[in-house]
Amino acid sequence: MKKNDDQKSRRVFLKLGGAALASAAVPLMLVSAPASAATNAAMRSALKYQDKPLAEKSCASCLQFVPGASAKGPGTCKVMPGDTEISPQGYCTAWTKKP
């Protein structure tokens, strides 16, 4: 009989532990979601990034640019790690024409 009691208490412990973990993870996910947009200020400054094109040179026509979810929305850049707010209309000194 003691074996059954041990199994039941173990199950209860695991259920409560799982519920506690899930309830702790939900606020963390909510807090981290808005923080997903980020800029790399040091790289932007070093590469003289600007949110407007220089003549025909824009991020949308650059080899380093990785488009976002939409054509007009922000994307990323291979040269600026961690920066998720690169404008397709932006420009920096690392601009390289797409082939």
Protein backbone atom coordinates (compact mmCIF):
# COMPACT_ATOMS: atom_id res chain seq x y z
CA MET A 1 0.00 0.00 0.00
CA LYS A 2 2.86 2.41 0.71
CA LYS A 3 4.07 2.05 -2.88
CA ASN A 4 0.73 3.37 -4.21
CA ASP A 5 0.84 6.32 -1.81
CA ASP A 6 4.37 7.19 -3.00
CA GLN A 7 3.28 7.05 -6.64
CA LYS A 8 0.26 9.26 -5.97
CA SER A 9 2.28 11.85 -4.08
CA ARG A 10 4.90 11.85 -6.84
CA ARG A 11 2.18 12.47 -9.45
CA VAL A 12 0.71 15.30 -7.41
CA PHE A 13 4.17 16.81 -6.97
CA LEU A 14 4.89 16.62 -10.70
CA LYS A 15 1.52 18.14 -11.61
CA LEU A 16 1.96 21.01 -9.16
CA GLY A 17 5.54 21.55 -10.30
CA GLY A 18 4.48 21.66 -13.95
CA ALA A 19 1.68 24.11 -13.18
CA ALA A 20 4.06 26.33 -11.21
CA LEU A 21 6.59 26.30 -14.04
CA ALA A 22 3.95 27.15 -16.63
CA SER A 23 2.55 30.00 -14.53
CA ALA A 24 6.06 31.42 -14.08
CA ALA A 25 6.87 31.15 -17.80
CA VAL A 26 3.80 33.05 -19.07
CA PRO A 27 4.81 36.45 -17.57
CA LEU A 28 8.34 35.98 -18.88
CA MET A 29 7.03 35.38 -22.40
CA LEU A 30 4.81 38.45 -22.20
CA VAL A 31 7.67 40.65 -21.03
CA SER A 32 10.10 39.37 -23.64
CA ALA A 33 7.73 39.71 -26.62
CA PRO A 34 7.87 43.52 -26.90
CA ALA A 35 11.63 43.40 -26.41
CA SER A 36 12.08 41.42 -29.62
CA ALA A 37 12.70 44.60 -31.64
CA ALA A 38 16.28 45.71 -31.10
CA THR A 39 18.89 47.99 -32.54
CA ASN A 40 22.66 47.72 -32.49
CA ALA A 41 23.54 51.35 -31.73
CA ALA A 42 27.30 50.84 -31.82
CA MET A 43 27.25 49.26 -35.29
CA ARG A 44 24.74 51.82 -36.57
CA SER A 45 27.05 54.61 -35.49
CA ALA A 46 30.18 52.96 -36.90
CA LEU A 47 28.50 52.34 -40.26
CA LYS A 48 26.77 55.76 -40.31
CA TYR A 49 23.34 54.16 -40.66
CA GLN A 50 20.46 56.47 -41.55
CA ASP A 51 16.75 55.79 -42.10
CA LYS A 52 16.72 57.42 -45.54
CA PRO A 53 18.42 56.32 -48.78
CA LEU A 54 21.48 57.94 -50.34
CA ALA A 55 20.55 58.53 -53.98
CA GLU A 56 19.72 55.06 -55.40
CA LYS A 57 21.44 53.29 -52.49
CA SER A 58 18.97 51.85 -49.98
CA CYS A 59 18.92 48.81 -47.73
CA ALA A 60 16.26 47.20 -49.95
CA SER A 61 18.79 47.14 -52.82
CA CYS A 62 21.71 46.00 -50.63
CA LEU A 63 23.19 42.50 -50.64
CA GLN A 64 23.44 42.53 -46.82
CA PHE A 65 19.75 43.33 -46.19
CA VAL A 66 17.38 40.56 -45.08
CA PRO A 67 13.75 41.64 -45.62
CA GLY A 68 11.24 41.45 -42.78
CA ALA A 69 7.73 40.02 -42.81
CA SER A 70 6.50 42.65 -45.27
CA ALA A 71 8.24 44.51 -48.08
CA LYS A 72 7.84 47.87 -46.33
CA GLY A 73 8.45 46.60 -42.79
CA PRO A 74 11.80 46.54 -41.00
CA GLY A 75 14.27 43.76 -41.68
CA THR A 76 17.72 42.76 -40.51
CA CYS A 77 21.24 43.22 -41.80
CA LYS A 78 24.02 40.64 -42.06
CA VAL A 79 26.56 43.29 -41.03
CA MET A 80 24.64 44.52 -37.95
CA PRO A 81 24.02 41.47 -35.75
CA GLY A 82 21.12 41.75 -33.34
CA ASP A 83 19.53 44.73 -35.11
CA THR A 84 15.96 43.90 -36.11
CA GLU A 85 14.88 47.43 -37.02
CA ILE A 86 16.64 48.05 -40.35
CA SER A 87 14.46 50.12 -42.66
CA PRO A 88 14.28 49.02 -46.32
CA GLN A 89 14.64 52.74 -47.09
CA GLY A 90 17.74 53.08 -44.88
CA TYR A 91 21.39 53.30 -45.89
CA CYS A 92 24.84 52.74 -44.36
CA THR A 93 28.44 52.67 -45.54
CA ALA A 94 28.39 48.85 -45.79
CA TRP A 95 25.93 49.10 -48.71
CA THR A 96 26.76 46.58 -51.48
CA LYS A 97 24.69 46.41 -54.64
CA LYS A 98 22.75 43.17 -55.13
CA PRO A 99 23.97 41.20 -58.16
